[in-house]
Amino acid sequence: MPFPDISPIALELGPIAIRWYALAYLAGIIIGWRYCMAMAKRLPTGVSAADMDDFMVWAVAGIILGGRLGQVIFYQPGHFLQHPLEIFMVWQGGMAFHGGLLGVIAAMVIYTRRRDIPFFAFTDLIALAAPIGIFFGRIANFINQEHFGRPADVPWAIIFNTDALQVPRHPSQLYEAAMEGLILYLTVAAVAHGTRALRQPGIVTGIFLIGYAIARMIGEFFREPEVFVESLPFATTWGQWLSLPMLAVGLYVLRLGLTRQPVAQPAK
């Protein structure tokens, strides 16, 4: 089937064009931010809503800088060396999740040290909200017709306008939105709300890292490999290789959380 008749431009205000791509990312950030503040008020983490509110700017900087630099370094270093000004053209698309993750982690390390906030108690709340942002990010990828899937003959295969071959493909962005966004959110939310995991900081963070890594590695089987990444062994993709360290760190953090002595629930 042809790609839905969705204009990439959501709104035009004179010479200014606001793209759905930007709005989807903005929605993910704002909803995730408000959700973090609400959870900080409700859940026994020892992290205040004010702490989460003040982190908003740090998070946005980490996502944008890390995501863009990740795209440059991990996927297209040669292209951006030849066209360095395109590094700053974020509105054209091209944000690497693993780079954004590293950017947010760096922001959290600096922020929690400055504010004297328990690091894993803080990351547990961020891990609760992260799948929301990822969901909207994948929807943005779909609207922007980037990171589409491999050729497919399934009834719901889509011919993307940006595909040079013009063949039906898996809408892998939607698969990833479901796995990395919806299913992962339901998983970490069930653990956070249905158990006492938040009293052992690191458990929710570890589950998020493990869950995303597994979901991403599965999604890569349906996603068209980046043409600017050289062939990798065993028919794997660069996204799968980048997810392996994430899986290992997630297992380590989960183990730390499970062996940690439960912290006392803050008095209300």
Protein backbone atom coordinates (compact mmCIF):
# COMPACT_ATOMS: atom_id res chain seq x y z
CA MET A 1 0.00 0.00 0.00
CA PRO A 2 1.21 3.57 -0.59
CA PHE A 3 2.36 5.70 2.30
CA PRO A 4 -0.58 7.54 3.91
CA ASP A 5 -1.19 11.03 2.60
CA ILE A 6 0.45 12.75 5.56
CA SER A 7 2.12 16.06 4.90
CA PRO A 8 5.40 16.40 6.81
CA ILE A 9 4.33 19.98 7.58
CA ALA A 10 1.87 20.24 10.46
CA LEU A 11 1.50 24.02 10.47
CA GLU A 12 2.79 26.96 8.45
CA LEU A 13 3.07 30.38 10.03
CA GLY A 14 4.25 32.61 7.21
CA PRO A 15 7.79 31.56 6.35
CA ILE A 16 7.95 29.23 9.37
CA ALA A 17 7.01 25.59 8.78
CA ILE A 18 6.41 23.39 11.81
CA ARG A 19 6.96 19.72 10.97
CA TRP A 20 5.14 16.73 12.46
CA TYR A 21 8.60 15.28 13.10
CA ALA A 22 9.43 18.08 15.52
CA LEU A 23 5.98 18.02 17.13
CA ALA A 24 6.20 14.28 17.78
CA TYR A 25 9.54 14.66 19.54
CA LEU A 26 8.21 17.65 21.47
CA ALA A 27 5.12 15.70 22.55
CA GLY A 28 7.26 12.82 23.77
CA ILE A 29 9.49 15.11 25.80
CA ILE A 30 6.64 17.11 27.36
CA ILE A 31 4.47 14.09 28.20
CA GLY A 32 7.48 12.22 29.60
CA TRP A 33 8.47 15.26 31.68
CA ARG A 34 4.99 15.69 33.16
CA TYR A 35 4.76 11.98 33.82
CA CYS A 36 8.10 12.02 35.68
CA MET A 37 6.89 14.87 37.88
CA ALA A 38 3.63 13.06 38.66
CA MET A 39 5.45 9.83 39.51
CA ALA A 40 7.93 11.70 41.72
CA LYS A 41 4.97 12.93 43.78
CA ARG A 42 3.26 9.54 43.99
CA LEU A 43 6.03 6.96 44.23
CA PRO A 44 8.42 6.31 47.16
CA THR A 45 11.70 7.23 45.47
CA GLY A 46 13.04 10.12 47.52
CA VAL A 47 13.21 12.23 44.34
CA SER A 48 11.05 15.37 44.38
CA ALA A 49 8.88 16.75 41.59
CA ALA A 50 11.03 19.89 41.70
CA ASP A 51 14.11 17.77 40.97
CA MET A 52 12.38 16.37 37.90
CA ASP A 53 11.09 19.77 36.82
CA ASP A 54 14.55 21.31 36.92
CA PHE A 55 16.02 18.40 34.93
CA MET A 56 13.84 19.15 31.89
CA VAL A 57 16.39 21.42 30.18
CA TRP A 58 19.20 18.97 30.91
CA ALA A 59 17.20 16.11 29.41
CA VAL A 60 16.40 18.02 26.22
CA ALA A 61 20.06 18.98 25.78
CA GLY A 62 21.16 15.38 26.33
CA ILE A 63 18.61 14.00 23.87
CA ILE A 64 19.34 16.46 21.08
CA LEU A 65 23.12 16.72 21.43
CA GLY A 66 23.64 13.04 22.16
CA GLY A 67 21.16 11.86 19.54
CA ARG A 68 22.63 14.01 16.79
CA LEU A 69 26.25 13.27 17.68
CA GLY A 70 25.36 9.59 17.85
CA GLN A 71 24.02 9.74 14.29
CA VAL A 72 27.20 11.51 13.18
CA ILE A 73 29.67 9.22 14.97
CA PHE A 74 27.93 5.84 14.88
CA TYR A 75 26.31 5.91 11.44
CA GLN A 76 27.47 8.67 9.07
CA PRO A 77 30.92 10.00 10.02
CA GLY A 78 32.11 10.17 6.41
CA HIS A 79 29.05 12.06 5.19
CA PHE A 80 29.19 14.66 7.94
CA LEU A 81 32.93 15.15 7.49
CA GLN A 82 32.16 16.17 3.91
CA HIS A 83 29.08 18.22 4.89
CA PRO A 84 29.80 19.48 8.42
CA LEU A 85 27.06 22.13 8.39
CA GLU A 86 24.42 19.38 8.11
CA ILE A 87 25.29 18.32 11.65
CA PHE A 88 23.22 21.27 12.85
CA MET A 89 20.22 20.54 10.58
CA VAL A 90 18.40 18.46 13.18
CA TRP A 91 14.99 19.25 11.66
CA GLN A 92 15.91 17.13 8.62
CA GLY A 93 15.97 14.01 10.80
CA GLY A 94 18.78 11.75 11.88
CA MET A 95 18.85 11.12 15.62
CA ALA A 96 20.50 7.97 16.98
CA PHE A 97 18.81 6.52 20.06
CA HIS A 98 22.01 5.11 21.55
CA GLY A 99 23.65 8.53 21.25
CA GLY A 100 20.64 10.19 22.88
CA LEU A 101 20.79 7.63 25.69
CA LEU A 102 24.46 8.41 26.34
CA GLY A 103 23.66 12.12 26.27
CA VAL A 104 20.89 11.75 28.85
CA ILE A 105 23.06 9.50 31.05
CA ALA A 106 25.82 12.11 31.02
CA ALA A 107 23.27 14.80 31.92
CA MET A 108 21.90 12.67 34.78
CA VAL A 109 25.36 11.97 36.20
CA ILE A 110 26.23 15.67 36.32
CA TYR A 111 22.79 16.76 37.52
CA THR A 112 22.41 14.22 40.33
CA ARG A 113 25.91 14.96 41.62
CA ARG A 114 25.23 18.69 41.68
CA ARG A 115 21.89 18.21 43.44
CA ASP A 116 23.05 15.36 45.71
CA ILE A 117 20.26 13.08 44.42
CA PRO A 118 20.59 9.26 44.60
CA PHE A 119 21.57 8.35 41.04
CA PHE A 120 19.61 5.12 40.53
CA ALA A 121 16.53 6.43 42.34
CA PHE A 122 16.57 9.22 39.76
CA THR A 123 17.23 6.98 36.76
CA ASP A 124 14.39 4.66 37.79
CA LEU A 125 11.90 7.50 37.32
CA ILE A 126 13.46 8.49 34.00
CA ALA A 127 13.29 4.84 32.90
CA LEU A 128 9.55 4.88 33.61
CA ALA A 129 9.02 7.83 31.27
CA ALA A 130 11.58 6.99 28.58
CA PRO A 131 9.36 4.53 26.64
CA ILE A 132 6.81 7.32 26.22
CA GLY A 133 9.37 9.50 24.48
CA ILE A 134 10.62 6.54 22.44
CA PHE A 135 7.08 5.79 21.26
CA PHE A 136 6.61 9.32 19.95
CA GLY A 137 10.11 9.30 18.47
CA ARG A 138 9.30 6.20 16.41
CA ILE A 139 6.04 7.76 15.26
CA ALA A 140 8.15 10.76 14.18
CA ASN A 141 10.41 8.39 12.22
CA PHE A 142 7.35 6.97 10.46
CA ILE A 143 5.93 10.38 9.56
CA ASN A 144 9.37 11.49 8.36
CA GLN A 145 9.62 8.25 6.30
CA GLU A 146 13.04 7.39 7.69
CA HIS A 147 14.44 4.17 9.19
CA PHE A 148 11.86 2.17 7.25
CA GLY A 149 11.81 -1.62 7.06
CA ARG A 150 13.12 -4.30 4.77
CA PRO A 151 11.21 -5.37 1.63
CA ALA A 152 8.14 -7.41 2.56
CA ASP A 153 5.09 -9.08 1.03
CA VAL A 154 2.82 -8.78 4.07
CA PRO A 155 -0.60 -7.15 3.47
CA TRP A 156 0.33 -4.08 5.52
CA ALA A 157 3.64 -3.44 3.72
CA ILE A 158 4.08 0.21 2.74
CA ILE A 159 5.77 1.90 -0.19
CA PHE A 160 7.59 4.89 1.29
CA ASN A 161 8.00 8.00 -0.84
CA THR A 162 11.61 8.36 0.32
CA ASP A 163 12.54 4.84 -0.81
CA ALA A 164 14.65 4.91 -3.96
CA LEU A 165 13.58 1.36 -4.86
CA GLN A 166 9.85 2.04 -4.35
CA VAL A 167 9.09 -1.47 -3.09
CA PRO A 168 6.67 -2.51 -0.31
CA ARG A 169 8.43 -2.59 3.05
CA HIS A 170 7.77 -3.42 6.67
CA PRO A 171 6.60 -0.31 8.58
CA SER A 172 9.32 -1.15 11.09
CA GLN A 173 9.01 2.25 12.79
CA LEU A 174 5.55 1.18 13.98
CA TYR A 175 6.85 -2.22 15.11
CA GLU A 176 9.50 -0.43 17.15
CA ALA A 177 6.97 2.05 18.53
CA ALA A 178 4.99 -0.93 19.82
CA MET A 179 7.95 -2.90 21.22
CA GLU A 180 10.28 -0.15 22.44
CA GLY A 181 7.47 2.18 23.43
CA LEU A 182 4.15 0.62 24.40
CA ILE A 183 5.23 -2.87 25.51
CA LEU A 184 8.34 -1.61 27.28
CA TYR A 185 6.31 1.03 29.12
CA LEU A 186 3.76 -1.53 30.27
CA THR A 187 6.62 -3.73 31.51
CA VAL A 188 8.48 -1.12 33.56
CA ALA A 189 5.21 0.39 34.83
CA ALA A 190 4.01 -3.02 36.01
CA VAL A 191 7.27 -3.56 37.89
CA ALA A 192 7.30 -0.06 39.40
CA HIS A 193 3.65 0.02 40.43
CA GLY A 194 3.05 -3.66 41.13
CA THR A 195 6.12 -4.47 43.22
CA ARG A 196 8.46 -2.78 45.69
CA ALA A 197 11.18 -2.48 43.07
CA LEU A 198 11.52 1.28 43.57
CA ARG A 199 12.74 0.62 47.10
CA GLN A 200 15.72 -1.13 45.52
CA PRO A 201 17.02 1.53 43.12
CA GLY A 202 18.36 0.18 39.87
CA ILE A 203 15.83 -2.58 39.25
CA VAL A 204 13.55 -0.49 37.03
CA THR A 205 16.54 1.05 35.25
CA GLY A 206 18.03 -2.38 34.59
CA ILE A 207 14.75 -3.75 33.25
CA PHE A 208 14.38 -0.76 30.94
CA LEU A 209 17.90 -1.17 29.52
CA ILE A 210 17.44 -4.92 29.04
CA GLY A 211 13.96 -4.52 27.56
CA TYR A 212 15.00 -1.85 25.09
CA ALA A 213 18.10 -3.77 23.99
CA ILE A 214 16.07 -6.92 23.31
CA ALA A 215 13.27 -5.01 21.56
CA ARG A 216 15.78 -3.12 19.40
CA MET A 217 17.65 -6.28 18.42
CA ILE A 218 14.35 -7.89 17.37
CA GLY A 219 13.23 -4.77 15.51
CA GLU A 220 16.48 -4.67 13.55
CA PHE A 221 15.51 -7.91 11.79
CA PHE A 222 12.65 -5.99 10.14
CA ARG A 223 14.45 -2.65 9.69
CA GLU A 224 16.43 -1.87 6.56
CA PRO A 225 20.13 -1.75 7.55
CA GLU A 226 21.78 1.63 7.23
CA VAL A 227 23.36 1.69 3.77
CA PHE A 228 26.29 3.76 5.02
CA VAL A 229 27.37 1.10 7.53
CA GLU A 230 29.68 -1.59 6.15
CA SER A 231 28.57 -5.22 6.18
CA LEU A 232 28.77 -6.79 9.62
CA PRO A 233 29.31 -10.47 10.51
CA PHE A 234 26.48 -12.99 10.85
CA ALA A 235 24.04 -10.72 8.95
CA THR A 236 23.77 -8.49 12.00
CA THR A 237 23.23 -4.73 12.02
CA TRP A 238 25.01 -1.86 13.69
CA GLY A 239 21.94 -1.19 15.82
CA GLN A 240 22.15 -4.73 17.20
CA TRP A 241 25.83 -4.37 18.03
CA LEU A 242 25.20 -1.06 19.78
CA SER A 243 22.47 -2.74 21.83
CA LEU A 244 24.78 -5.45 23.20
CA PRO A 245 26.63 -3.12 25.64
CA MET A 246 23.23 -1.75 26.68
CA LEU A 247 22.05 -5.30 27.43
CA ALA A 248 25.20 -6.05 29.44
CA VAL A 249 24.94 -2.83 31.47
CA GLY A 250 21.24 -3.50 32.05
CA LEU A 251 21.95 -6.96 33.46
CA TYR A 252 24.65 -5.51 35.72
CA VAL A 253 22.43 -2.68 36.99
CA LEU A 254 19.54 -5.10 37.56
CA ARG A 255 21.83 -7.34 39.61
CA LEU A 256 22.95 -4.34 41.66
CA GLY A 257 19.34 -3.42 42.33
CA LEU A 258 18.27 -6.94 43.28
CA THR A 259 21.13 -7.31 45.76
CA ARG A 260 20.67 -3.84 47.23
CA GLN A 261 19.18 -3.48 50.70
CA PRO A 262 15.69 -1.94 50.35
CA VAL A 263 15.66 1.74 51.29
CA ALA A 264 13.16 3.00 53.83
CA GLN A 265 10.02 4.50 52.33
CA PRO A 266 10.09 8.30 52.71
CA ALA A 267 7.59 9.71 55.18
CA LYS A 268 4.65 11.51 53.56
